[in-house]
Structures are given as C-alpha cells and as structure tokens.
Protein backbone atom coordinates (compact mmCIF):
# COMPACT_ATOMS: atom_id res chain seq x y z
CA MET A 1 14.14 -1.98 19.99
CA ILE A 2 15.67 -1.46 16.56
CA LEU A 3 12.29 -1.40 14.81
CA GLN A 4 10.79 0.91 17.43
CA ALA A 5 13.72 3.30 17.17
CA THR A 6 13.53 3.27 13.37
CA THR A 7 9.78 3.92 13.51
CA GLU A 8 10.32 6.90 15.80
CA LEU A 9 13.01 8.31 13.50
CA ILE A 10 10.75 7.96 10.47
CA GLU A 11 7.80 9.53 12.25
CA SER A 12 9.87 12.52 13.33
CA ASP A 13 12.25 13.02 10.38
CA GLY A 14 11.03 10.82 7.54
CA LEU A 15 13.23 8.34 5.71
CA ALA A 16 16.00 10.93 5.40
CA GLY A 17 16.50 10.79 9.19
CA VAL A 18 17.17 7.05 9.23
CA SER A 19 20.72 5.74 9.37
CA ALA A 20 22.41 2.90 11.21
CA ARG A 21 24.23 5.50 13.31
CA GLU A 22 20.99 7.28 14.29
CA ILE A 23 19.22 4.02 15.13
CA ALA A 24 22.20 2.93 17.25
CA ARG A 25 22.30 6.30 19.01
CA LYS A 26 18.61 6.01 19.83
CA ILE A 27 18.89 2.50 21.31
CA GLU A 28 22.27 3.28 22.91
CA TYR A 29 24.18 0.51 21.15
CA SER A 30 26.94 0.52 18.58
CA PRO A 31 25.94 0.76 14.89
CA GLY A 32 27.24 -2.79 14.36
CA THR A 33 24.49 -4.12 16.65
CA LEU A 34 21.98 -3.36 13.94
CA TYR A 35 23.71 -5.87 11.68
CA ASN A 36 23.46 -8.64 14.27
CA ALA A 37 19.67 -8.57 13.82
CA PHE A 38 19.29 -7.41 10.19
CA ARG A 39 21.30 -7.88 7.00
CA ASN A 40 21.41 -4.14 6.31
CA LEU A 41 19.43 -0.93 6.70
CA ASP A 42 17.17 -1.85 3.76
CA ASP A 43 16.21 -5.01 5.64
CA VAL A 44 15.16 -2.93 8.66
CA ILE A 45 13.04 -0.65 6.51
CA LEU A 46 11.49 -3.54 4.56
CA THR A 47 10.55 -5.15 7.86
CA LEU A 48 8.76 -1.96 8.92
CA GLU A 49 7.00 -1.81 5.55
CA ALA A 50 5.98 -5.45 5.94
CA ARG A 51 4.45 -4.77 9.36
CA MET A 52 2.51 -1.86 7.91
CA LEU A 53 1.30 -3.95 4.97
CA ASP A 54 0.23 -6.70 7.39
CA GLU A 55 -1.79 -4.19 9.39
CA LEU A 56 -3.40 -2.82 6.23
CA GLN A 57 -4.18 -6.36 5.04
CA ALA A 58 -5.82 -7.14 8.37
CA ARG A 59 -8.00 -4.05 8.08
CA LEU A 60 -8.98 -4.90 4.51
CA GLU A 61 -9.74 -8.50 5.45
CA GLY A 62 -11.98 -7.17 8.22
CA ILE A 63 -14.26 -5.45 5.72
CA PRO A 64 -17.31 -7.63 5.12
CA LEU A 65 -17.95 -8.07 1.40
CA ASP A 66 -21.59 -8.13 0.33
CA GLY A 67 -21.03 -9.30 -3.25
CA ASN A 68 -21.61 -5.85 -4.77
CA PRO A 69 -18.29 -4.83 -6.35
CA GLN A 70 -19.18 -1.13 -6.27
CA SER A 71 -19.94 -0.95 -2.54
CA ASP A 72 -17.27 -3.50 -1.59
CA LEU A 73 -14.53 -1.64 -3.45
CA GLN A 74 -15.72 1.72 -2.13
CA ARG A 75 -15.34 0.42 1.44
CA ILE A 76 -11.92 -1.00 0.61
CA GLY A 77 -10.88 2.32 -0.94
CA GLU A 78 -12.12 4.31 2.07
CA THR A 79 -10.24 2.02 4.43
CA TYR A 80 -7.07 2.26 2.34
CA VAL A 81 -7.15 6.08 2.32
CA ALA A 82 -7.93 6.27 6.04
CA PHE A 83 -5.12 3.83 6.87
CA SER A 84 -2.56 5.75 4.81
CA SER A 85 -3.65 9.03 6.37
CA ASP A 86 -3.43 7.61 9.90
CA ASN A 87 0.10 6.33 9.20
CA ALA A 88 1.38 9.05 6.85
CA GLN A 89 5.11 9.05 7.60
CA LEU A 90 5.40 5.28 7.60
CA TRP A 91 3.13 5.06 4.57
CA ASN A 92 5.45 7.30 2.60
CA LEU A 93 8.15 4.64 2.93
CA LEU A 94 6.37 2.68 0.21
CA PHE A 95 7.24 5.45 -2.27
CA GLN A 96 10.46 6.80 -0.80
CA HIS A 97 12.35 3.62 0.01
CA GLN A 98 14.09 2.02 -2.94
CA ILE A 99 15.71 -1.39 -2.82
CA PRO A 100 19.02 -1.26 -4.71
CA ASN A 101 18.66 -2.44 -8.32
CA SER A 102 21.10 -5.27 -7.65
CA GLU A 103 18.74 -6.76 -5.05
CA PRO A 104 15.51 -8.50 -6.02
CA ILE A 105 12.35 -7.75 -4.09
CA PRO A 106 12.13 -10.52 -1.49
CA ASP A 107 9.47 -13.14 -2.19
CA TRP A 108 7.90 -12.58 1.24
CA TYR A 109 7.50 -8.88 0.47
CA ARG A 110 5.98 -9.54 -2.94
CA ALA A 111 3.53 -11.97 -1.29
CA LYS A 112 2.34 -9.16 1.00
CA LEU A 113 1.71 -6.89 -1.98
CA ASP A 114 -0.07 -9.74 -3.79
CA GLY A 115 -2.32 -10.15 -0.76
CA LEU A 116 -3.60 -6.62 -1.23
CA THR A 117 -4.53 -7.18 -4.88
CA GLN A 118 -6.08 -10.56 -4.05
CA ARG A 119 -8.54 -8.82 -1.73
CA LEU A 120 -9.52 -6.58 -4.64
CA GLU A 121 -9.87 -9.63 -6.91
CA VAL A 122 -12.32 -11.14 -4.43
CA ALA A 123 -14.36 -7.92 -4.43
CA LEU A 124 -14.28 -7.81 -8.25
CA ALA A 125 -15.22 -11.49 -8.68
CA PRO A 126 -19.01 -11.00 -9.08
CA LEU A 127 -18.36 -8.62 -11.98
CA LEU A 128 -15.76 -10.85 -13.62
CA VAL A 129 -17.49 -14.23 -13.48
CA ASN A 130 -16.52 -15.12 -17.06
CA ALA A 131 -13.17 -13.33 -17.09
CA LYS A 132 -9.79 -15.01 -17.25
CA PRO A 133 -7.77 -14.98 -14.01
CA THR A 134 -5.27 -12.65 -15.65
CA GLU A 135 -8.05 -10.13 -16.34
CA ALA A 136 -9.13 -10.14 -12.69
CA ASN A 137 -5.54 -9.69 -11.58
CA ARG A 138 -4.99 -6.84 -14.04
CA ALA A 139 -8.18 -5.07 -12.92
CA ALA A 140 -7.20 -5.45 -9.27
CA SER A 141 -3.69 -4.19 -10.03
CA VAL A 142 -5.02 -1.12 -11.85
CA LEU A 143 -7.33 -0.28 -8.96
CA TRP A 144 -4.64 -0.89 -6.36
CA ALA A 145 -2.13 1.27 -8.20
CA GLY A 146 -4.66 4.08 -8.65
CA VAL A 147 -5.84 4.04 -5.04
CA HIS A 148 -2.26 3.71 -3.77
CA GLY A 149 -1.16 6.64 -5.92
CA ILE A 150 -3.92 8.90 -4.67
CA ALA A 151 -3.33 7.88 -1.05
CA SER A 152 0.42 8.39 -1.38
CA LEU A 153 0.07 11.80 -3.01
CA SER A 154 -2.22 12.76 -0.17
CA THR A 155 0.11 11.57 2.61
CA ALA A 156 3.06 13.30 0.92
CA GLU A 157 0.94 16.47 0.89
CA LYS A 158 1.25 16.69 -2.90
CA LEU A 159 -2.37 16.03 -3.82
CA THR A 160 -3.22 19.71 -3.34
CA ASN A 161 -0.78 20.48 -6.19
CA ILE A 162 -3.22 18.67 -8.47
CA THR A 163 -6.67 19.29 -7.00
CA LYS A 164 -8.56 20.72 -4.06
CA GLU A 165 -10.66 17.53 -3.87
CA SER A 166 -10.08 15.07 -1.04
CA ALA A 167 -8.27 11.78 -1.50
CA ALA A 168 -11.45 9.98 -0.42
CA LEU A 169 -13.49 11.65 -3.17
CA LEU A 170 -10.87 10.94 -5.83
CA VAL A 171 -10.69 7.29 -4.81
CA SER A 172 -14.47 7.03 -4.90
CA ASP A 173 -14.53 8.56 -8.40
CA LEU A 174 -11.70 6.30 -9.58
CA ILE A 175 -13.50 3.17 -8.42
CA SER A 176 -16.88 4.24 -9.80
CA HIS A 177 -15.55 5.25 -13.21
CA TYR A 178 -13.31 2.22 -13.53
CA LEU A 179 -16.16 -0.16 -12.67
CA ASP A 180 -18.54 1.66 -15.03
CA GLY A 181 -16.02 1.31 -17.86
CA MET A 182 -15.38 -2.33 -17.03
CA SER A 183 -19.11 -3.09 -16.93
CA HIS A 184 -19.55 -1.40 -20.30
CA ARG A 185 -16.67 -3.36 -21.86
CA LEU A 186 -17.97 -6.65 -20.47
CA ALA A 187 -21.52 -5.92 -21.68
CA ASN A 188 -20.09 -5.38 -25.17
CA GLY A 189 -18.07 -8.58 -25.09
CA ARG A 190 -14.67 -6.91 -24.65
CA SER A 191 -12.21 -7.26 -21.83
C-alpha cells in the first residue's frame, strides 16, 4: 500500500508531492506507520527506484543480442528511451531524488545500476575483444550516462531547450558516433 500510494503521488505531483504525511493520508494510516515498514522516506523512494530499475533491466535483458555492437546498442538505446518515456514521472526520480550526503548509496542499489552497464558491456564485447575489463566498463559507463542524460532531459521536458530533435535520434547519433570513434581508436592501437 505504501509503495502504491507513493507511486500515485509521484505520478500526479512529482517528487515534490511526496511526504510521509501525504502517503499516510492516502493509505489512511498515521505517518508513523510508514516507519514500521521503511527506515525513512528515502528508503521508500529508493525502493520505488529499484523496482523501476528492475523493470528496465528485464526489458534490456529481453533484447536479443546478435553480436553486432552497433545494432545491439541501438536496440538497447531505443528500449531505454521508450521505457523512460513510458514511465516519465517515476523516471525523473533518478535525477530528482538525492540521498543525503551522510548516507552511502546502498550496495543493493549500486548493484542494480551496475547491472545496466553490464548489459552494455556484453553488447560492446565483440568490439573490445582485446580491451582491458576497465576499458569495457568505462565505455559502457560513458554510453549509459549519455543515454540516461538524453532520456532524462526528454522526460523532464527540457530536451526541447537544447534541440528540436527527438531523444531517440539523439541516442542513435550518440551510439553511432561513440562506436565510430572507439573503432577508430582501436584500429590505431589506442584505447
């Protein structure tokens, strides 16, 4: 009930509309009830983010990879943009929600983020046969950050401040240009 109520608040009012008092009002319990199930409000929001990341991971894992980094990463990018667009308000949590500086990012949450870059590493593998594992991870991280940034700007309705092009086209260009540059560097013996 708590997670459903929080989801509904986020979908209607964004993160700004979420408070323990509002969640409690929605489920018709006292605000203290929230803390019987979760450590704090950040824990509730992280749990929602985790569910969303799990759903995204499942969609990305469902994409068959054909061993061609260009086409594999294009399909991953398209899926990522479509997923963020379909879940815009919840997606924006990944940018809007900040864990207090005194709290470390939970290991389980970091593992979910790592799962996303690992899928990109698998898609990049045919191109990086002779690369060090750190190079594959860095390349996957760069692509993930770029695609995530474009998708997040789009869902926050800020992409039009930069360009009239669609998020899907920008992601496609990002992937193509990045892979072209990587292929060129590898062909010239640089990483």
